[in-house]
Amino acid sequence: MSWLEPVSLSSASVNLEPLRPHHHDDLAESVRDGELWKLWYTSVPHPDAMRREIERRLHLQAEGSMLPFAVIDNATGRAVGMTTYMNLDAANQRMEIGSTWYRRRVQRTALNTQCKILLLTHAFEALNCIAVEFRTHFFNTASRRAIERLGARLDGILRHHQRADDGTLRDTCVYSIIAPEWPAVRSHLNWQLSRVRV
């Protein structure tokens, strides 16, 4: 994984730390806030499966196909979710930002925007990515709106892309930001953060 090594990404209000087993208790508590595992169109782990999910992500990191982060709310110093660099393509310098979830208390706050600025800045400015993808379930309208607010554009919909745990077939919406778009997207995200939030 010479192209993408574990790294901590920091801002005044949120830090992204390489995921580690010691994040377990915070993450298990976080997923209970809103019972996130009950959303049928997502893959958020049940609290009892959190240790297994951390181990799964760390195994994929060891194989070189993923770099998972714990999302740390600096106001509390505790993990409030996960996010991941995944579907890594070092040869073409492309990746996906995905497998992201946050406890309900921090959803629809500036935290997601701040995390995406950190991840996208590192991807485009340190790793020289030519494109960064975002993928979500067709029925996950909240996620689709959040991705679109970032400035990502819809590349298309992969119909019957995957089979979900409940046996249904998932249509996956694929979005991306390409390198020439990044300066404008960065300005837009910084503008969003500068706005007064009610």
N, C-alpha and C. Protein backbone atom coordinates (compact mmCIF):
# COMPACT_ATOMS: atom_id res chain seq x y z
N MET A 1 0.83 -1.19 0.00
CA MET A 1 0.00 0.00 0.00
C MET A 1 0.86 1.24 0.00
N SER A 2 1.88 1.31 -0.86
CA SER A 2 2.77 2.45 -0.85
C SER A 2 2.06 3.73 -1.28
N TRP A 3 1.04 3.60 -2.13
CA TRP A 3 0.32 4.79 -2.59
C TRP A 3 -0.52 5.40 -1.47
N LEU A 4 -1.10 4.58 -0.64
CA LEU A 4 -2.02 5.06 0.38
C LEU A 4 -1.68 4.42 1.72
N GLU A 5 -1.02 5.17 2.57
CA GLU A 5 -0.65 4.70 3.90
C GLU A 5 -1.60 5.30 4.94
N PRO A 6 -1.77 4.64 6.09
CA PRO A 6 -2.61 5.21 7.15
C PRO A 6 -2.14 6.62 7.50
N VAL A 7 -3.10 7.50 7.69
CA VAL A 7 -2.80 8.90 7.97
C VAL A 7 -3.91 9.45 8.85
N SER A 8 -3.57 10.40 9.71
CA SER A 8 -4.57 11.14 10.48
C SER A 8 -4.82 12.47 9.79
N LEU A 9 -6.08 12.84 9.68
CA LEU A 9 -6.47 14.09 9.04
C LEU A 9 -7.22 14.92 10.08
N SER A 10 -6.82 16.18 10.24
CA SER A 10 -7.31 16.96 11.37
C SER A 10 -7.83 18.32 10.96
N SER A 11 -8.86 18.77 11.67
CA SER A 11 -9.36 20.13 11.56
C SER A 11 -9.69 20.60 12.98
N ALA A 12 -10.18 21.82 13.10
CA ALA A 12 -10.46 22.36 14.43
C ALA A 12 -11.55 21.59 15.16
N SER A 13 -12.51 21.05 14.42
CA SER A 13 -13.66 20.43 15.09
C SER A 13 -13.80 18.92 14.89
N VAL A 14 -13.07 18.35 13.92
CA VAL A 14 -13.17 16.91 13.70
C VAL A 14 -11.81 16.36 13.28
N ASN A 15 -11.50 15.18 13.77
CA ASN A 15 -10.30 14.46 13.37
C ASN A 15 -10.69 13.12 12.77
N LEU A 16 -9.97 12.71 11.75
CA LEU A 16 -10.13 11.38 11.18
C LEU A 16 -8.88 10.60 11.56
N GLU A 17 -9.07 9.58 12.39
CA GLU A 17 -7.96 8.76 12.85
C GLU A 17 -8.04 7.40 12.18
N PRO A 18 -6.89 6.78 11.87
CA PRO A 18 -6.94 5.40 11.38
C PRO A 18 -7.75 4.54 12.36
N LEU A 19 -8.68 3.78 11.84
CA LEU A 19 -9.54 2.93 12.67
C LEU A 19 -8.69 1.93 13.44
N ARG A 20 -9.01 1.77 14.72
CA ARG A 20 -8.30 0.84 15.59
C ARG A 20 -9.30 0.12 16.50
N PRO A 21 -8.94 -1.04 17.04
CA PRO A 21 -9.85 -1.75 17.94
C PRO A 21 -10.30 -0.92 19.14
N HIS A 22 -9.47 0.01 19.62
CA HIS A 22 -9.86 0.79 20.81
C HIS A 22 -11.01 1.76 20.53
N HIS A 23 -11.40 1.95 19.27
CA HIS A 23 -12.56 2.79 18.96
C HIS A 23 -13.88 2.06 19.18
N HIS A 24 -13.82 0.77 19.48
CA HIS A 24 -15.01 -0.07 19.53
C HIS A 24 -16.13 0.49 20.40
N ASP A 25 -15.84 0.83 21.65
CA ASP A 25 -16.90 1.21 22.58
C ASP A 25 -17.62 2.47 22.11
N ASP A 26 -16.86 3.47 21.67
CA ASP A 26 -17.49 4.70 21.17
C ASP A 26 -18.37 4.41 19.96
N LEU A 27 -17.88 3.57 19.05
CA LEU A 27 -18.64 3.28 17.83
C LEU A 27 -19.88 2.46 18.12
N ALA A 28 -19.78 1.51 19.04
CA ALA A 28 -20.96 0.71 19.41
C ALA A 28 -22.02 1.61 20.03
N GLU A 29 -21.59 2.56 20.86
CA GLU A 29 -22.55 3.51 21.44
C GLU A 29 -23.12 4.42 20.36
N SER A 30 -22.28 4.85 19.44
CA SER A 30 -22.72 5.78 18.39
C SER A 30 -23.80 5.16 17.51
N VAL A 31 -23.64 3.90 17.16
CA VAL A 31 -24.60 3.28 16.25
C VAL A 31 -25.96 3.09 16.93
N ARG A 32 -25.97 3.06 18.27
CA ARG A 32 -27.25 2.97 18.98
C ARG A 32 -28.05 4.27 18.88
N ASP A 33 -27.34 5.39 18.66
CA ASP A 33 -28.00 6.69 18.55
C ASP A 33 -28.72 6.75 17.21
N GLY A 34 -29.99 6.43 17.21
CA GLY A 34 -30.78 6.40 16.00
C GLY A 34 -31.00 5.00 15.45
N GLU A 35 -30.45 3.97 16.16
CA GLU A 35 -30.59 2.58 15.72
C GLU A 35 -30.32 2.46 14.22
N LEU A 36 -29.12 2.93 13.84
CA LEU A 36 -28.78 3.07 12.43
C LEU A 36 -28.81 1.76 11.65
N TRP A 37 -28.56 0.65 12.32
CA TRP A 37 -28.54 -0.64 11.63
C TRP A 37 -29.92 -1.05 11.10
N LYS A 38 -30.97 -0.38 11.54
CA LYS A 38 -32.33 -0.73 11.10
C LYS A 38 -32.70 -0.13 9.75
N LEU A 39 -31.87 0.78 9.22
CA LEU A 39 -32.14 1.34 7.90
C LEU A 39 -31.85 0.26 6.85
N TRP A 40 -32.88 -0.22 6.20
CA TRP A 40 -32.74 -1.41 5.34
C TRP A 40 -31.82 -1.17 4.14
N TYR A 41 -31.67 0.08 3.70
CA TYR A 41 -30.89 0.38 2.50
C TYR A 41 -29.44 0.76 2.80
N THR A 42 -28.99 0.55 4.05
CA THR A 42 -27.60 0.82 4.40
C THR A 42 -26.97 -0.45 4.95
N SER A 43 -25.67 -0.37 5.17
CA SER A 43 -24.93 -1.50 5.76
C SER A 43 -24.22 -1.04 7.03
N VAL A 44 -24.98 -0.51 7.95
CA VAL A 44 -24.43 -0.06 9.23
C VAL A 44 -24.48 -1.23 10.19
N PRO A 45 -23.36 -1.52 10.89
CA PRO A 45 -23.34 -2.70 11.75
C PRO A 45 -24.20 -2.54 13.01
N HIS A 46 -24.75 -3.65 13.47
CA HIS A 46 -25.43 -3.71 14.76
C HIS A 46 -24.38 -3.49 15.85
N PRO A 47 -24.74 -2.90 16.99
CA PRO A 47 -23.74 -2.70 18.05
C PRO A 47 -23.01 -3.98 18.43
N ASP A 48 -23.74 -5.11 18.45
CA ASP A 48 -23.10 -6.38 18.83
C ASP A 48 -22.13 -6.88 17.77
N ALA A 49 -22.22 -6.33 16.55
CA ALA A 49 -21.34 -6.76 15.46
C ALA A 49 -20.23 -5.75 15.19
N MET A 50 -20.10 -4.74 16.05
CA MET A 50 -19.14 -3.67 15.78
C MET A 50 -17.70 -4.19 15.80
N ARG A 51 -17.37 -5.05 16.74
CA ARG A 51 -15.99 -5.57 16.80
C ARG A 51 -15.66 -6.33 15.51
N ARG A 52 -16.62 -7.12 15.03
CA ARG A 52 -16.42 -7.86 13.79
C ARG A 52 -16.26 -6.91 12.60
N GLU A 53 -17.02 -5.80 12.59
CA GLU A 53 -16.92 -4.84 11.50
C GLU A 53 -15.56 -4.13 11.51
N ILE A 54 -15.08 -3.79 12.70
CA ILE A 54 -13.75 -3.18 12.79
C ILE A 54 -12.70 -4.16 12.29
N GLU A 55 -12.80 -5.41 12.70
CA GLU A 55 -11.84 -6.43 12.24
C GLU A 55 -11.92 -6.61 10.73
N ARG A 56 -13.13 -6.59 10.16
CA ARG A 56 -13.29 -6.74 8.71
C ARG A 56 -12.60 -5.61 7.97
N ARG A 57 -12.84 -4.39 8.43
CA ARG A 57 -12.22 -3.25 7.75
C ARG A 57 -10.70 -3.27 7.89
N LEU A 58 -10.21 -3.65 9.07
CA LEU A 58 -8.75 -3.70 9.25
C LEU A 58 -8.13 -4.82 8.41
N HIS A 59 -8.86 -5.92 8.22
CA HIS A 59 -8.38 -6.99 7.34
C HIS A 59 -8.28 -6.49 5.90
N LEU A 60 -9.29 -5.76 5.44
CA LEU A 60 -9.25 -5.21 4.08
C LEU A 60 -8.15 -4.16 3.94
N GLN A 61 -7.89 -3.42 5.03
CA GLN A 61 -6.77 -2.48 4.99
C GLN A 61 -5.45 -3.24 4.82
N ALA A 62 -5.29 -4.34 5.56
CA ALA A 62 -4.06 -5.13 5.47
C ALA A 62 -3.87 -5.70 4.06
N GLU A 63 -4.99 -5.98 3.37
CA GLU A 63 -4.92 -6.48 1.99
C GLU A 63 -4.67 -5.37 0.98
N GLY A 64 -4.76 -4.11 1.42
CA GLY A 64 -4.51 -2.99 0.53
C GLY A 64 -5.70 -2.50 -0.25
N SER A 65 -6.92 -2.89 0.17
CA SER A 65 -8.10 -2.48 -0.60
C SER A 65 -8.96 -1.44 0.10
N MET A 66 -8.53 -0.99 1.28
CA MET A 66 -9.36 -0.07 2.06
C MET A 66 -8.47 0.67 3.05
N LEU A 67 -8.84 1.91 3.38
CA LEU A 67 -8.22 2.64 4.48
C LEU A 67 -9.33 3.25 5.32
N PRO A 68 -9.70 2.58 6.43
CA PRO A 68 -10.83 3.04 7.25
C PRO A 68 -10.40 4.04 8.32
N PHE A 69 -11.32 4.95 8.64
CA PHE A 69 -11.09 5.98 9.65
C PHE A 69 -12.20 5.93 10.70
N ALA A 70 -11.83 6.28 11.93
CA ALA A 70 -12.81 6.64 12.95
C ALA A 70 -12.97 8.15 12.91
N VAL A 71 -14.21 8.61 12.96
CA VAL A 71 -14.51 10.04 12.94
C VAL A 71 -14.61 10.52 14.38
N ILE A 72 -13.71 11.41 14.78
CA ILE A 72 -13.62 11.88 16.16
C ILE A 72 -14.18 13.29 16.25
N ASP A 73 -15.22 13.47 17.06
CA ASP A 73 -15.78 14.79 17.34
C ASP A 73 -14.87 15.45 18.37
N ASN A 74 -14.17 16.52 17.98
CA ASN A 74 -13.21 17.14 18.89
C ASN A 74 -13.86 17.77 20.11
N ALA A 75 -15.17 18.07 20.03
CA ALA A 75 -15.87 18.64 21.19
C ALA A 75 -15.92 17.64 22.35
N THR A 76 -15.97 16.35 22.01
CA THR A 76 -16.06 15.31 23.05
C THR A 76 -14.83 14.42 23.10
N GLY A 77 -14.04 14.42 22.02
CA GLY A 77 -12.89 13.53 21.94
C GLY A 77 -13.26 12.09 21.68
N ARG A 78 -14.51 11.85 21.29
CA ARG A 78 -14.99 10.48 21.10
C ARG A 78 -15.35 10.21 19.65
N ALA A 79 -15.26 8.95 19.26
CA ALA A 79 -15.63 8.54 17.91
C ALA A 79 -17.15 8.60 17.76
N VAL A 80 -17.58 9.21 16.64
CA VAL A 80 -19.03 9.35 16.38
C VAL A 80 -19.43 8.70 15.06
N GLY A 81 -18.51 7.98 14.42
CA GLY A 81 -18.84 7.31 13.17
C GLY A 81 -17.59 6.79 12.48
N MET A 82 -17.80 6.28 11.28
CA MET A 82 -16.72 5.74 10.45
C MET A 82 -16.83 6.31 9.05
N THR A 83 -15.69 6.34 8.37
CA THR A 83 -15.65 6.63 6.94
C THR A 83 -14.44 5.93 6.37
N THR A 84 -14.38 5.79 5.04
CA THR A 84 -13.37 4.92 4.45
C THR A 84 -12.96 5.36 3.06
N TYR A 85 -11.66 5.28 2.80
CA TYR A 85 -11.17 5.25 1.43
C TYR A 85 -11.28 3.80 0.99
N MET A 86 -11.93 3.52 -0.13
CA MET A 86 -12.15 2.14 -0.55
C MET A 86 -12.15 2.03 -2.07
N ASN A 87 -12.26 0.80 -2.57
CA ASN A 87 -12.18 0.56 -4.01
C ASN A 87 -10.98 1.30 -4.59
N LEU A 88 -9.83 1.07 -3.96
CA LEU A 88 -8.60 1.79 -4.30
C LEU A 88 -8.05 1.30 -5.63
N ASP A 89 -7.69 2.24 -6.48
CA ASP A 89 -7.11 1.94 -7.79
C ASP A 89 -5.84 2.78 -7.92
N ALA A 90 -4.73 2.25 -7.37
CA ALA A 90 -3.47 3.00 -7.35
C ALA A 90 -2.96 3.27 -8.75
N ALA A 91 -3.13 2.32 -9.66
CA ALA A 91 -2.60 2.49 -11.02
C ALA A 91 -3.23 3.70 -11.70
N ASN A 92 -4.51 3.92 -11.46
CA ASN A 92 -5.22 5.03 -12.09
C ASN A 92 -5.47 6.20 -11.14
N GLN A 93 -5.00 6.06 -9.90
CA GLN A 93 -5.15 7.10 -8.88
C GLN A 93 -6.61 7.53 -8.73
N ARG A 94 -7.44 6.52 -8.50
CA ARG A 94 -8.87 6.72 -8.23
C ARG A 94 -9.22 6.00 -6.95
N MET A 95 -10.27 6.46 -6.30
CA MET A 95 -10.77 5.79 -5.10
C MET A 95 -12.21 6.19 -4.88
N GLU A 96 -12.83 5.50 -3.95
CA GLU A 96 -14.17 5.84 -3.49
C GLU A 96 -14.08 6.26 -2.03
N ILE A 97 -14.86 7.25 -1.64
CA ILE A 97 -15.09 7.56 -0.23
C ILE A 97 -16.45 6.96 0.10
N GLY A 98 -16.47 6.02 1.04
CA GLY A 98 -17.74 5.36 1.31
C GLY A 98 -17.75 4.62 2.64
N SER A 99 -18.73 3.74 2.78
CA SER A 99 -18.97 3.02 4.04
C SER A 99 -18.96 4.01 5.20
N THR A 100 -19.65 5.13 5.00
CA THR A 100 -19.67 6.22 5.97
C THR A 100 -20.98 6.22 6.74
N TRP A 101 -20.88 6.35 8.04
CA TRP A 101 -22.06 6.57 8.86
C TRP A 101 -21.67 7.40 10.08
N TYR A 102 -22.65 8.16 10.60
CA TYR A 102 -22.45 8.99 11.78
C TYR A 102 -23.61 8.78 12.74
N ARG A 103 -23.34 8.91 14.02
CA ARG A 103 -24.42 8.83 14.99
C ARG A 103 -25.44 9.93 14.70
N ARG A 104 -26.69 9.70 15.06
CA ARG A 104 -27.76 10.63 14.71
C ARG A 104 -27.51 12.03 15.24
N ARG A 105 -26.91 12.15 16.41
CA ARG A 105 -26.70 13.47 17.03
C ARG A 105 -25.89 14.42 16.14
N VAL A 106 -24.98 13.88 15.32
CA VAL A 106 -24.13 14.75 14.50
C VAL A 106 -24.56 14.76 13.03
N GLN A 107 -25.59 14.01 12.69
CA GLN A 107 -26.09 14.05 11.32
C GLN A 107 -26.71 15.41 11.04
N ARG A 108 -26.59 15.85 9.78
CA ARG A 108 -27.11 17.15 9.35
C ARG A 108 -26.47 18.31 10.12
N THR A 109 -25.21 18.11 10.53
CA THR A 109 -24.40 19.20 11.09
C THR A 109 -23.24 19.43 10.12
N ALA A 110 -22.36 20.35 10.48
CA ALA A 110 -21.21 20.64 9.62
C ALA A 110 -20.18 19.52 9.63
N LEU A 111 -20.34 18.54 10.51
CA LEU A 111 -19.33 17.50 10.65
C LEU A 111 -19.08 16.75 9.34
N ASN A 112 -20.13 16.36 8.61
CA ASN A 112 -19.94 15.62 7.37
C ASN A 112 -19.17 16.46 6.35
N THR A 113 -19.52 17.74 6.23
CA THR A 113 -18.81 18.61 5.29
C THR A 113 -17.34 18.71 5.66
N GLN A 114 -17.06 18.87 6.95
CA GLN A 114 -15.67 18.97 7.40
C GLN A 114 -14.90 17.68 7.11
N CYS A 115 -15.54 16.54 7.34
CA CYS A 115 -14.89 15.26 7.03
C CYS A 115 -14.59 15.14 5.54
N LYS A 116 -15.56 15.52 4.71
CA LYS A 116 -15.36 15.39 3.27
C LYS A 116 -14.27 16.34 2.78
N ILE A 117 -14.18 17.54 3.35
CA ILE A 117 -13.08 18.44 2.98
C ILE A 117 -11.74 17.80 3.30
N LEU A 118 -11.61 17.21 4.48
CA LEU A 118 -10.35 16.55 4.85
C LEU A 118 -10.02 15.42 3.89
N LEU A 119 -11.00 14.56 3.63
CA LEU A 119 -10.77 13.39 2.77
C LEU A 119 -10.48 13.80 1.33
N LEU A 120 -11.24 14.74 0.81
CA LEU A 120 -11.04 15.16 -0.58
C LEU A 120 -9.74 15.93 -0.76
N THR A 121 -9.40 16.78 0.21
CA THR A 121 -8.14 17.51 0.12
C THR A 121 -6.97 16.54 0.08
N HIS A 122 -6.99 15.54 0.95
CA HIS A 122 -5.90 14.55 0.96
C HIS A 122 -5.88 13.76 -0.36
N ALA A 123 -7.05 13.38 -0.83
CA ALA A 123 -7.13 12.58 -2.06
C ALA A 123 -6.59 13.36 -3.26
N PHE A 124 -7.03 14.60 -3.43
CA PHE A 124 -6.64 15.36 -4.62
C PHE A 124 -5.29 16.05 -4.48
N GLU A 125 -4.96 16.52 -3.28
CA GLU A 125 -3.77 17.35 -3.14
C GLU A 125 -2.55 16.59 -2.63
N ALA A 126 -2.74 15.49 -1.91
CA ALA A 126 -1.61 14.69 -1.45
C ALA A 126 -1.41 13.44 -2.31
N LEU A 127 -2.52 12.81 -2.71
CA LEU A 127 -2.44 11.56 -3.47
C LEU A 127 -2.59 11.77 -4.97
N ASN A 128 -2.89 13.01 -5.38
CA ASN A 128 -3.04 13.35 -6.80
C ASN A 128 -4.06 12.48 -7.52
N CYS A 129 -5.19 12.23 -6.86
CA CYS A 129 -6.25 11.45 -7.49
C CYS A 129 -6.79 12.18 -8.72
N ILE A 130 -7.15 11.39 -9.72
CA ILE A 130 -7.80 11.97 -10.90
C ILE A 130 -9.32 12.02 -10.72
N ALA A 131 -9.83 11.19 -9.80
CA ALA A 131 -11.27 11.17 -9.53
C ALA A 131 -11.52 10.50 -8.19
N VAL A 132 -12.57 10.96 -7.52
CA VAL A 132 -13.03 10.35 -6.28
C VAL A 132 -14.51 10.04 -6.45
N GLU A 133 -14.90 8.80 -6.16
CA GLU A 133 -16.28 8.36 -6.31
C GLU A 133 -17.01 8.33 -4.98
N PHE A 134 -18.32 8.39 -5.08
CA PHE A 134 -19.25 8.16 -3.96
C PHE A 134 -20.35 7.26 -4.50
N ARG A 135 -20.72 6.24 -3.74
CA ARG A 135 -21.78 5.33 -4.17
C ARG A 135 -22.80 5.18 -3.06
N THR A 136 -24.06 5.07 -3.45
CA THR A 136 -25.10 4.88 -2.45
C THR A 136 -26.30 4.17 -3.07
N HIS A 137 -27.12 3.60 -2.22
CA HIS A 137 -28.34 2.92 -2.64
C HIS A 137 -29.30 3.92 -3.28
N PHE A 138 -29.97 3.51 -4.33
CA PHE A 138 -30.95 4.37 -5.00
C PHE A 138 -31.97 4.94 -4.02
N PHE A 139 -32.39 4.13 -3.03
CA PHE A 139 -33.42 4.56 -2.09
C PHE A 139 -32.87 5.36 -0.91
N ASN A 140 -31.56 5.53 -0.82
CA ASN A 140 -30.99 6.31 0.27
C ASN A 140 -30.97 7.79 -0.15
N THR A 141 -32.16 8.39 -0.13
CA THR A 141 -32.29 9.75 -0.64
C THR A 141 -31.51 10.76 0.20
N ALA A 142 -31.41 10.55 1.50
CA ALA A 142 -30.64 11.47 2.35
C ALA A 142 -29.17 11.46 1.94
N SER A 143 -28.64 10.28 1.70
CA SER A 143 -27.25 10.17 1.28
C SER A 143 -27.05 10.78 -0.10
N ARG A 144 -27.98 10.55 -1.00
CA ARG A 144 -27.87 11.12 -2.35
C ARG A 144 -27.86 12.64 -2.29
N ARG A 145 -28.75 13.22 -1.48
CA ARG A 145 -28.78 14.69 -1.34
C ARG A 145 -27.46 15.20 -0.76
N ALA A 146 -26.93 14.50 0.25
CA ALA A 146 -25.68 14.92 0.87
C ALA A 146 -24.52 14.86 -0.12
N ILE A 147 -24.47 13.81 -0.94
CA ILE A 147 -23.42 13.69 -1.95
C ILE A 147 -23.55 14.80 -2.99
N GLU A 148 -24.75 15.08 -3.40
CA GLU A 148 -24.97 16.14 -4.39
C GLU A 148 -24.62 17.52 -3.82
N ARG A 149 -24.88 17.73 -2.52
CA ARG A 149 -24.51 19.01 -1.89
C ARG A 149 -23.00 19.21 -1.87
N LEU A 150 -22.24 18.11 -1.88
CA LEU A 150 -20.78 18.22 -1.93
C LEU A 150 -20.31 18.79 -3.26
N GLY A 151 -21.12 18.62 -4.30
CA GLY A 151 -20.71 19.03 -5.63
C GLY A 151 -20.37 17.86 -6.54
N ALA A 152 -20.60 16.64 -6.05
CA ALA A 152 -20.36 15.46 -6.89
C ALA A 152 -21.47 15.35 -7.93
N ARG A 153 -21.11 14.79 -9.08
CA ARG A 153 -22.08 14.63 -10.18
C ARG A 153 -22.41 13.16 -10.37
N LEU A 154 -23.65 12.91 -10.74
CA LEU A 154 -24.11 11.54 -10.96
C LEU A 154 -23.50 11.01 -12.26
N ASP A 155 -22.70 9.94 -12.14
CA ASP A 155 -22.15 9.27 -13.32
C ASP A 155 -23.17 8.32 -13.94
N GLY A 156 -23.98 7.71 -13.09
CA GLY A 156 -24.98 6.77 -13.58
C GLY A 156 -25.48 5.88 -12.46
N ILE A 157 -26.38 4.98 -12.82
CA ILE A 157 -26.96 4.05 -11.85
C ILE A 157 -26.67 2.63 -12.32
N LEU A 158 -26.02 1.87 -11.44
CA LEU A 158 -25.75 0.46 -11.71
C LEU A 158 -26.97 -0.34 -11.25
N ARG A 159 -27.77 -0.79 -12.21
CA ARG A 159 -29.01 -1.47 -11.87
C ARG A 159 -28.73 -2.92 -11.49
N HIS A 160 -29.42 -3.37 -10.43
CA HIS A 160 -29.20 -4.72 -9.88
C HIS A 160 -27.72 -4.96 -9.64
N HIS A 161 -27.10 -3.99 -8.98
CA HIS A 161 -25.66 -4.02 -8.76
C HIS A 161 -25.24 -5.03 -7.71
N GLN A 162 -26.01 -5.10 -6.62
CA GLN A 162 -25.64 -5.98 -5.51
C GLN A 162 -26.89 -6.55 -4.86
N ARG A 163 -26.70 -7.67 -4.17
CA ARG A 163 -27.80 -8.25 -3.40
C ARG A 163 -27.65 -7.80 -1.95
N ALA A 164 -28.70 -7.23 -1.38
CA ALA A 164 -28.68 -6.76 0.00
C ALA A 164 -28.88 -7.93 0.96
N ASP A 165 -28.62 -7.67 2.25
CA ASP A 165 -28.77 -8.72 3.26
C ASP A 165 -30.18 -9.29 3.31
N ASP A 166 -31.19 -8.45 2.98
CA ASP A 166 -32.57 -8.94 3.03
C ASP A 166 -33.00 -9.61 1.72
N GLY A 167 -32.04 -9.78 0.78
CA GLY A 167 -32.33 -10.47 -0.47
C GLY A 167 -32.75 -9.57 -1.61
N THR A 168 -33.05 -8.30 -1.31
CA THR A 168 -33.43 -7.39 -2.39
C THR A 168 -32.20 -7.02 -3.22
N LEU A 169 -32.46 -6.59 -4.44
CA LEU A 169 -31.38 -6.18 -5.33
C LEU A 169 -31.21 -4.67 -5.26
N ARG A 170 -29.98 -4.25 -5.09
CA ARG A 170 -29.66 -2.83 -4.93
C ARG A 170 -29.30 -2.20 -6.26
N ASP A 171 -29.95 -1.09 -6.56
CA ASP A 171 -29.50 -0.21 -7.64
C ASP A 171 -28.57 0.81 -6.99
N THR A 172 -27.34 0.92 -7.48
CA THR A 172 -26.32 1.78 -6.89
C THR A 172 -26.13 3.04 -7.71
N CYS A 173 -26.30 4.20 -7.06
CA CYS A 173 -26.04 5.48 -7.71
C CYS A 173 -24.55 5.79 -7.55
N VAL A 174 -23.88 6.04 -8.67
CA VAL A 174 -22.45 6.32 -8.67
C VAL A 174 -22.23 7.80 -9.00
N TYR A 175 -21.57 8.49 -8.10
CA TYR A 175 -21.24 9.90 -8.26
C TYR A 175 -19.72 10.05 -8.29
N SER A 176 -19.24 11.17 -8.81
CA SER A 176 -17.81 11.43 -8.72
C SER A 176 -17.52 12.92 -8.75
N ILE A 177 -16.34 13.24 -8.25
CA ILE A 177 -15.70 14.54 -8.42
C ILE A 177 -14.40 14.25 -9.14
N ILE A 178 -14.11 14.95 -10.22
CA ILE A 178 -12.87 14.75 -10.95
C ILE A 178 -11.91 15.89 -10.61
N ALA A 179 -10.62 15.64 -10.82
CA ALA A 179 -9.59 16.57 -10.38
C ALA A 179 -9.80 18.01 -10.86
N PRO A 180 -10.16 18.25 -12.14
CA PRO A 180 -10.35 19.65 -12.56
C PRO A 180 -11.49 20.36 -11.82
N GLU A 181 -12.44 19.59 -11.27
CA GLU A 181 -13.56 20.18 -10.54
C GLU A 181 -13.21 20.53 -9.10
N TRP A 182 -12.14 19.94 -8.58
CA TRP A 182 -11.83 20.05 -7.16
C TRP A 182 -11.69 21.50 -6.68
N PRO A 183 -10.99 22.41 -7.37
CA PRO A 183 -10.88 23.77 -6.83
C PRO A 183 -12.24 24.44 -6.59
N ALA A 184 -13.17 24.28 -7.52
CA ALA A 184 -14.49 24.88 -7.35
C ALA A 184 -15.27 24.16 -6.24
N VAL A 185 -15.15 22.84 -6.18
CA VAL A 185 -15.83 22.08 -5.12
C VAL A 185 -15.28 22.49 -3.76
N ARG A 186 -13.96 22.64 -3.65
CA ARG A 186 -13.34 23.05 -2.39
C ARG A 186 -13.86 24.43 -1.96
N SER A 187 -13.92 25.37 -2.90
CA SER A 187 -14.45 26.70 -2.57
C SER A 187 -15.89 26.62 -2.10
N HIS A 188 -16.69 25.79 -2.78
CA HIS A 188 -18.09 25.62 -2.42
C HIS A 188 -18.23 25.04 -1.01
N LEU A 189 -17.43 24.02 -0.68
CA LEU A 189 -17.52 23.39 0.63
C LEU A 189 -17.08 24.36 1.73
N ASN A 190 -16.03 25.12 1.48
CA ASN A 190 -15.58 26.11 2.46
C ASN A 190 -16.64 27.20 2.64
N TRP A 191 -17.32 27.57 1.55
CA TRP A 191 -18.41 28.55 1.66
C TRP A 191 -19.54 27.99 2.50
N GLN A 192 -19.88 26.71 2.29
CA GLN A 192 -20.94 26.09 3.09
C GLN A 192 -20.59 26.14 4.58
N LEU A 193 -19.32 25.87 4.90
CA LEU A 193 -18.91 25.89 6.32
C LEU A 193 -18.95 27.28 6.91
N SER A 194 -18.76 28.30 6.07
CA SER A 194 -18.71 29.68 6.57
C SER A 194 -20.10 30.25 6.86
N ARG A 195 -21.13 29.58 6.35
CA ARG A 195 -22.49 30.09 6.54
C ARG A 195 -22.93 29.89 7.98
N VAL A 196 -23.76 30.79 8.44
CA VAL A 196 -24.31 30.66 9.80
C VAL A 196 -25.31 29.54 9.78
N ARG A 197 -25.13 28.57 10.68
CA ARG A 197 -26.04 27.43 10.75
C ARG A 197 -27.03 27.65 11.87
N VAL A 198 -28.29 27.47 11.54
CA VAL A 198 -29.35 27.69 12.54
C VAL A 198 -29.56 26.42 13.33
